[in-house]
Amino acid sequence: MTALKIPKLSAARAPKRVAMPKFRRNVKAATSLTEAIHRVLSRTHTNAQPFGVFAISGRLVISNANTDRFKALQRRAPEAFIGMYGPGLRIADALEDLCEHFTDEVADGT
């Protein structure tokens, strides 16, 4: 049987000061159409699993289809769901779907 080692208690110290977290001053900018297309196409090249795409508050949200996060997003914001994509995605199909939810300064002509 082994003896338990009990640590010696030292004199009480003042609690260590911890810096307060810095909150984000600026809200993230809305996702542009170009950025949305780039992120969706990048995801198809790096991931063989199907994934869902959502447009929430002007931002693109991507989640694998087999995750709890995807199920929660579908349950909480079904109107934000754009579609399911996978490795066989064509650029024209993605552009057609994403044009309805995102804008691009170049595409708008401004």
N, C-alpha and C. Protein backbone atom coordinates (compact mmCIF):
# COMPACT_ATOMS: atom_id res chain seq x y z
N MET A 1 0.84 -1.17 0.00
CA MET A 1 0.00 0.00 0.00
C MET A 1 0.89 1.24 0.00
N THR A 2 0.58 2.21 -0.84
CA THR A 2 1.41 3.41 -0.94
C THR A 2 0.81 4.51 -0.08
N ALA A 3 1.67 5.31 0.46
CA ALA A 3 1.22 6.42 1.29
C ALA A 3 0.85 7.60 0.41
N LEU A 4 -0.18 8.28 0.79
CA LEU A 4 -0.61 9.47 0.05
C LEU A 4 0.25 10.65 0.45
N LYS A 5 0.66 11.39 -0.52
CA LYS A 5 1.43 12.60 -0.25
C LYS A 5 0.47 13.78 -0.18
N ILE A 6 0.51 14.47 0.92
CA ILE A 6 -0.36 15.62 1.10
C ILE A 6 0.49 16.87 0.90
N PRO A 7 0.08 17.72 -0.04
CA PRO A 7 0.87 18.92 -0.29
C PRO A 7 0.78 19.88 0.89
N LYS A 8 1.86 20.58 1.13
CA LYS A 8 1.88 21.57 2.20
C LYS A 8 1.23 22.85 1.69
N LEU A 9 0.40 23.41 2.53
CA LEU A 9 -0.27 24.64 2.16
C LEU A 9 0.62 25.82 2.51
N SER A 10 0.75 26.71 1.58
CA SER A 10 1.56 27.91 1.82
C SER A 10 0.64 29.02 2.33
N ALA A 11 1.22 30.12 2.69
CA ALA A 11 0.45 31.25 3.18
C ALA A 11 -0.50 31.73 2.08
N ALA A 12 -1.64 32.22 2.48
CA ALA A 12 -2.64 32.68 1.53
C ALA A 12 -2.09 33.83 0.70
N ARG A 13 -2.31 33.75 -0.60
CA ARG A 13 -1.86 34.79 -1.51
C ARG A 13 -3.06 35.55 -2.04
N ALA A 14 -2.80 36.74 -2.48
CA ALA A 14 -3.87 37.51 -3.11
C ALA A 14 -4.20 36.84 -4.44
N PRO A 15 -5.47 36.84 -4.82
CA PRO A 15 -5.84 36.21 -6.09
C PRO A 15 -5.15 36.88 -7.26
N LYS A 16 -4.81 36.09 -8.24
CA LYS A 16 -4.14 36.60 -9.42
C LYS A 16 -5.10 37.44 -10.24
N ARG A 17 -4.63 38.58 -10.70
CA ARG A 17 -5.48 39.45 -11.50
C ARG A 17 -5.55 38.91 -12.92
N VAL A 18 -6.75 38.84 -13.42
CA VAL A 18 -6.98 38.34 -14.77
C VAL A 18 -7.56 39.48 -15.59
N ALA A 19 -7.02 39.69 -16.75
CA ALA A 19 -7.51 40.76 -17.62
C ALA A 19 -8.91 40.44 -18.10
N MET A 20 -9.72 41.45 -18.19
CA MET A 20 -11.08 41.27 -18.69
C MET A 20 -11.03 41.02 -20.19
N PRO A 21 -11.94 40.20 -20.70
CA PRO A 21 -11.93 39.95 -22.14
C PRO A 21 -12.32 41.22 -22.90
N LYS A 22 -11.72 41.40 -24.04
CA LYS A 22 -12.03 42.55 -24.87
C LYS A 22 -13.12 42.14 -25.85
N PHE A 23 -14.19 42.88 -25.84
CA PHE A 23 -15.30 42.56 -26.71
C PHE A 23 -15.09 43.21 -28.07
N ARG A 24 -15.61 42.58 -29.07
CA ARG A 24 -15.47 43.06 -30.43
C ARG A 24 -16.24 44.37 -30.59
N ARG A 25 -15.54 45.38 -31.04
CA ARG A 25 -16.19 46.68 -31.21
C ARG A 25 -17.00 46.73 -32.49
N ASN A 26 -16.51 46.11 -33.51
CA ASN A 26 -17.18 46.14 -34.80
C ASN A 26 -17.83 44.79 -35.07
N VAL A 27 -19.03 44.84 -35.55
CA VAL A 27 -19.71 43.62 -35.94
C VAL A 27 -19.13 43.16 -37.27
N LYS A 28 -19.03 41.86 -37.47
CA LYS A 28 -18.49 41.36 -38.73
C LYS A 28 -19.32 41.87 -39.90
N ALA A 29 -18.63 42.20 -40.95
CA ALA A 29 -19.29 42.69 -42.16
C ALA A 29 -20.03 41.54 -42.83
N ALA A 30 -21.05 41.89 -43.58
CA ALA A 30 -21.81 40.89 -44.31
C ALA A 30 -20.90 40.22 -45.35
N THR A 31 -21.20 38.99 -45.66
CA THR A 31 -20.42 38.24 -46.63
C THR A 31 -20.76 38.71 -48.03
N SER A 32 -19.76 38.95 -48.85
CA SER A 32 -20.00 39.34 -50.24
C SER A 32 -20.24 38.09 -51.08
N LEU A 33 -20.81 38.29 -52.25
CA LEU A 33 -21.09 37.16 -53.14
C LEU A 33 -19.80 36.46 -53.55
N THR A 34 -18.76 37.23 -53.86
CA THR A 34 -17.48 36.65 -54.26
C THR A 34 -16.90 35.79 -53.14
N GLU A 35 -16.94 36.30 -51.92
CA GLU A 35 -16.42 35.55 -50.78
C GLU A 35 -17.24 34.29 -50.53
N ALA A 36 -18.56 34.39 -50.67
CA ALA A 36 -19.43 33.23 -50.46
C ALA A 36 -19.12 32.12 -51.47
N ILE A 37 -19.00 32.49 -52.74
CA ILE A 37 -18.67 31.51 -53.78
C ILE A 37 -17.31 30.87 -53.50
N HIS A 38 -16.34 31.69 -53.14
CA HIS A 38 -15.00 31.18 -52.84
C HIS A 38 -15.03 30.19 -51.69
N ARG A 39 -15.74 30.52 -50.62
CA ARG A 39 -15.78 29.62 -49.46
C ARG A 39 -16.50 28.30 -49.77
N VAL A 40 -17.59 28.37 -50.54
CA VAL A 40 -18.32 27.15 -50.89
C VAL A 40 -17.47 26.26 -51.79
N LEU A 41 -16.83 26.85 -52.80
CA LEU A 41 -15.99 26.05 -53.71
C LEU A 41 -14.77 25.48 -52.99
N SER A 42 -14.19 26.26 -52.09
CA SER A 42 -13.05 25.75 -51.32
C SER A 42 -13.46 24.56 -50.47
N ARG A 43 -14.65 24.65 -49.92
CA ARG A 43 -15.14 23.55 -49.06
C ARG A 43 -15.36 22.28 -49.87
N THR A 44 -15.83 22.41 -51.12
CA THR A 44 -16.05 21.22 -51.94
C THR A 44 -14.73 20.54 -52.30
N HIS A 45 -13.66 21.33 -52.43
CA HIS A 45 -12.36 20.75 -52.78
C HIS A 45 -11.67 20.12 -51.59
N THR A 46 -11.93 20.61 -50.38
CA THR A 46 -11.23 20.11 -49.20
C THR A 46 -12.01 19.06 -48.42
N ASN A 47 -13.30 18.93 -48.70
CA ASN A 47 -14.13 18.03 -47.90
C ASN A 47 -15.00 17.19 -48.83
N ALA A 48 -14.95 15.88 -48.68
CA ALA A 48 -15.73 14.99 -49.54
C ALA A 48 -17.16 14.80 -49.03
N GLN A 49 -17.44 15.23 -47.82
CA GLN A 49 -18.78 15.05 -47.25
C GLN A 49 -19.71 16.17 -47.70
N PRO A 50 -21.01 15.86 -47.82
CA PRO A 50 -21.97 16.92 -48.15
C PRO A 50 -22.08 17.91 -46.99
N PHE A 51 -22.34 19.16 -47.33
CA PHE A 51 -22.46 20.20 -46.30
C PHE A 51 -23.63 21.12 -46.64
N GLY A 52 -24.16 21.74 -45.62
CA GLY A 52 -25.26 22.67 -45.78
C GLY A 52 -24.77 24.10 -45.71
N VAL A 53 -25.44 24.98 -46.44
CA VAL A 53 -25.08 26.39 -46.48
C VAL A 53 -26.28 27.20 -46.00
N PHE A 54 -26.01 28.14 -45.09
CA PHE A 54 -27.04 29.00 -44.53
C PHE A 54 -26.63 30.46 -44.70
N ALA A 55 -27.61 31.34 -44.81
CA ALA A 55 -27.37 32.79 -44.82
C ALA A 55 -28.04 33.36 -43.58
N ILE A 56 -27.24 33.65 -42.55
CA ILE A 56 -27.77 34.14 -41.29
C ILE A 56 -27.22 35.54 -41.05
N SER A 57 -28.11 36.51 -40.96
CA SER A 57 -27.75 37.92 -40.73
C SER A 57 -26.75 38.43 -41.75
N GLY A 58 -26.91 38.03 -42.99
CA GLY A 58 -26.03 38.50 -44.05
C GLY A 58 -24.68 37.82 -44.11
N ARG A 59 -24.48 36.80 -43.29
CA ARG A 59 -23.20 36.08 -43.27
C ARG A 59 -23.42 34.63 -43.70
N LEU A 60 -22.41 34.08 -44.33
CA LEU A 60 -22.45 32.70 -44.79
C LEU A 60 -22.04 31.77 -43.66
N VAL A 61 -22.85 30.74 -43.42
CA VAL A 61 -22.54 29.73 -42.41
C VAL A 61 -22.54 28.38 -43.10
N ILE A 62 -21.44 27.64 -42.98
CA ILE A 62 -21.29 26.33 -43.60
C ILE A 62 -21.16 25.29 -42.50
N SER A 63 -21.88 24.17 -42.64
CA SER A 63 -21.82 23.11 -41.64
C SER A 63 -21.96 21.75 -42.32
N ASN A 64 -21.15 20.78 -41.88
CA ASN A 64 -21.28 19.43 -42.41
C ASN A 64 -22.68 18.89 -42.13
N ALA A 65 -23.21 18.11 -43.06
CA ALA A 65 -24.59 17.65 -42.95
C ALA A 65 -24.81 16.64 -41.83
N ASN A 66 -23.77 15.96 -41.39
CA ASN A 66 -23.95 14.91 -40.39
C ASN A 66 -23.65 15.39 -38.96
N THR A 67 -23.67 16.69 -38.72
CA THR A 67 -23.33 17.21 -37.39
C THR A 67 -24.56 17.71 -36.65
N ASP A 68 -24.44 17.80 -35.34
CA ASP A 68 -25.52 18.35 -34.52
C ASP A 68 -25.71 19.83 -34.80
N ARG A 69 -24.64 20.52 -35.15
CA ARG A 69 -24.73 21.95 -35.46
C ARG A 69 -25.64 22.17 -36.67
N PHE A 70 -25.50 21.32 -37.68
CA PHE A 70 -26.33 21.42 -38.88
C PHE A 70 -27.80 21.22 -38.52
N LYS A 71 -28.08 20.21 -37.70
CA LYS A 71 -29.46 19.94 -37.29
C LYS A 71 -30.04 21.10 -36.51
N ALA A 72 -29.22 21.69 -35.63
CA ALA A 72 -29.68 22.84 -34.84
C ALA A 72 -29.95 24.05 -35.73
N LEU A 73 -29.09 24.29 -36.70
CA LEU A 73 -29.30 25.41 -37.62
C LEU A 73 -30.58 25.22 -38.43
N GLN A 74 -30.83 24.01 -38.88
CA GLN A 74 -32.05 23.74 -39.65
C GLN A 74 -33.29 23.91 -38.79
N ARG A 75 -33.18 23.52 -37.53
CA ARG A 75 -34.32 23.62 -36.62
C ARG A 75 -34.59 25.08 -36.23
N ARG A 76 -33.53 25.84 -35.96
CA ARG A 76 -33.69 27.22 -35.48
C ARG A 76 -33.96 28.22 -36.59
N ALA A 77 -33.36 28.01 -37.75
CA ALA A 77 -33.51 28.99 -38.84
C ALA A 77 -33.73 28.29 -40.17
N PRO A 78 -34.89 27.65 -40.34
CA PRO A 78 -35.12 26.94 -41.62
C PRO A 78 -35.18 27.88 -42.81
N GLU A 79 -35.57 29.14 -42.59
CA GLU A 79 -35.65 30.10 -43.70
C GLU A 79 -34.27 30.54 -44.17
N ALA A 80 -33.25 30.32 -43.36
CA ALA A 80 -31.88 30.72 -43.71
C ALA A 80 -31.16 29.65 -44.54
N PHE A 81 -31.75 28.47 -44.64
CA PHE A 81 -31.11 27.36 -45.36
C PHE A 81 -31.11 27.65 -46.86
N ILE A 82 -29.92 27.60 -47.47
CA ILE A 82 -29.78 27.84 -48.91
C ILE A 82 -29.80 26.52 -49.67
N GLY A 83 -28.99 25.56 -49.23
CA GLY A 83 -28.95 24.28 -49.92
C GLY A 83 -27.86 23.37 -49.41
N MET A 84 -27.86 22.15 -49.95
CA MET A 84 -26.85 21.13 -49.64
C MET A 84 -25.92 21.03 -50.85
N TYR A 85 -24.64 20.98 -50.57
CA TYR A 85 -23.65 20.87 -51.63
C TYR A 85 -22.66 19.78 -51.31
N GLY A 86 -22.00 19.29 -52.35
CA GLY A 86 -21.01 18.24 -52.18
C GLY A 86 -19.93 18.36 -53.24
N PRO A 87 -19.14 17.30 -53.39
CA PRO A 87 -18.01 17.34 -54.32
C PRO A 87 -18.39 17.59 -55.79
N GLY A 88 -19.57 17.23 -56.22
CA GLY A 88 -19.97 17.39 -57.62
C GLY A 88 -20.58 18.75 -57.94
N LEU A 89 -20.32 19.75 -57.15
CA LEU A 89 -20.93 21.07 -57.31
C LEU A 89 -20.39 21.78 -58.55
N ARG A 90 -21.31 22.39 -59.31
CA ARG A 90 -20.91 23.23 -60.44
C ARG A 90 -20.99 24.69 -60.02
N ILE A 91 -20.09 25.50 -60.53
CA ILE A 91 -20.03 26.92 -60.17
C ILE A 91 -21.34 27.63 -60.52
N ALA A 92 -21.92 27.31 -61.66
CA ALA A 92 -23.15 27.96 -62.09
C ALA A 92 -24.29 27.69 -61.10
N ASP A 93 -24.37 26.47 -60.59
CA ASP A 93 -25.42 26.13 -59.62
C ASP A 93 -25.24 26.90 -58.31
N ALA A 94 -24.01 26.95 -57.83
CA ALA A 94 -23.74 27.68 -56.59
C ALA A 94 -24.01 29.17 -56.77
N LEU A 95 -23.60 29.72 -57.89
CA LEU A 95 -23.81 31.14 -58.16
C LEU A 95 -25.30 31.47 -58.21
N GLU A 96 -26.08 30.62 -58.84
CA GLU A 96 -27.52 30.84 -58.94
C GLU A 96 -28.17 30.86 -57.55
N ASP A 97 -27.78 29.94 -56.69
CA ASP A 97 -28.36 29.87 -55.34
C ASP A 97 -27.91 31.03 -54.46
N LEU A 98 -26.62 31.36 -54.52
CA LEU A 98 -26.07 32.36 -53.62
C LEU A 98 -26.40 33.79 -54.04
N CYS A 99 -26.71 34.02 -55.32
CA CYS A 99 -27.07 35.37 -55.79
C CYS A 99 -28.32 35.90 -55.09
N GLU A 100 -29.20 35.01 -54.69
CA GLU A 100 -30.44 35.42 -54.03
C GLU A 100 -30.20 35.96 -52.62
N HIS A 101 -29.09 35.57 -52.00
CA HIS A 101 -28.85 35.90 -50.59
C HIS A 101 -27.70 36.87 -50.36
N PHE A 102 -26.76 36.95 -51.30
CA PHE A 102 -25.58 37.79 -51.12
C PHE A 102 -25.42 38.73 -52.31
N THR A 103 -24.84 39.89 -52.05
CA THR A 103 -24.59 40.85 -53.12
C THR A 103 -23.09 41.13 -53.19
N ASP A 104 -22.69 41.66 -54.31
CA ASP A 104 -21.29 41.98 -54.52
C ASP A 104 -21.24 43.35 -55.19
N GLU A 105 -20.32 44.20 -54.75
CA GLU A 105 -20.24 45.54 -55.31
C GLU A 105 -19.99 45.49 -56.81
N VAL A 106 -19.13 44.57 -57.24
CA VAL A 106 -18.81 44.45 -58.66
C VAL A 106 -20.03 43.96 -59.42
N ALA A 107 -20.76 43.00 -58.85
CA ALA A 107 -21.94 42.45 -59.51
C ALA A 107 -23.06 43.48 -59.59
N ASP A 108 -23.14 44.41 -58.59
CA ASP A 108 -24.19 45.42 -58.59
C ASP A 108 -23.86 46.60 -59.49
N GLY A 109 -22.60 46.72 -59.91
CA GLY A 109 -22.21 47.81 -60.79
C GLY A 109 -21.87 49.10 -60.06
N THR A 110 -21.68 49.05 -58.74
CA THR A 110 -21.33 50.27 -58.00
C THR A 110 -19.85 50.36 -57.77
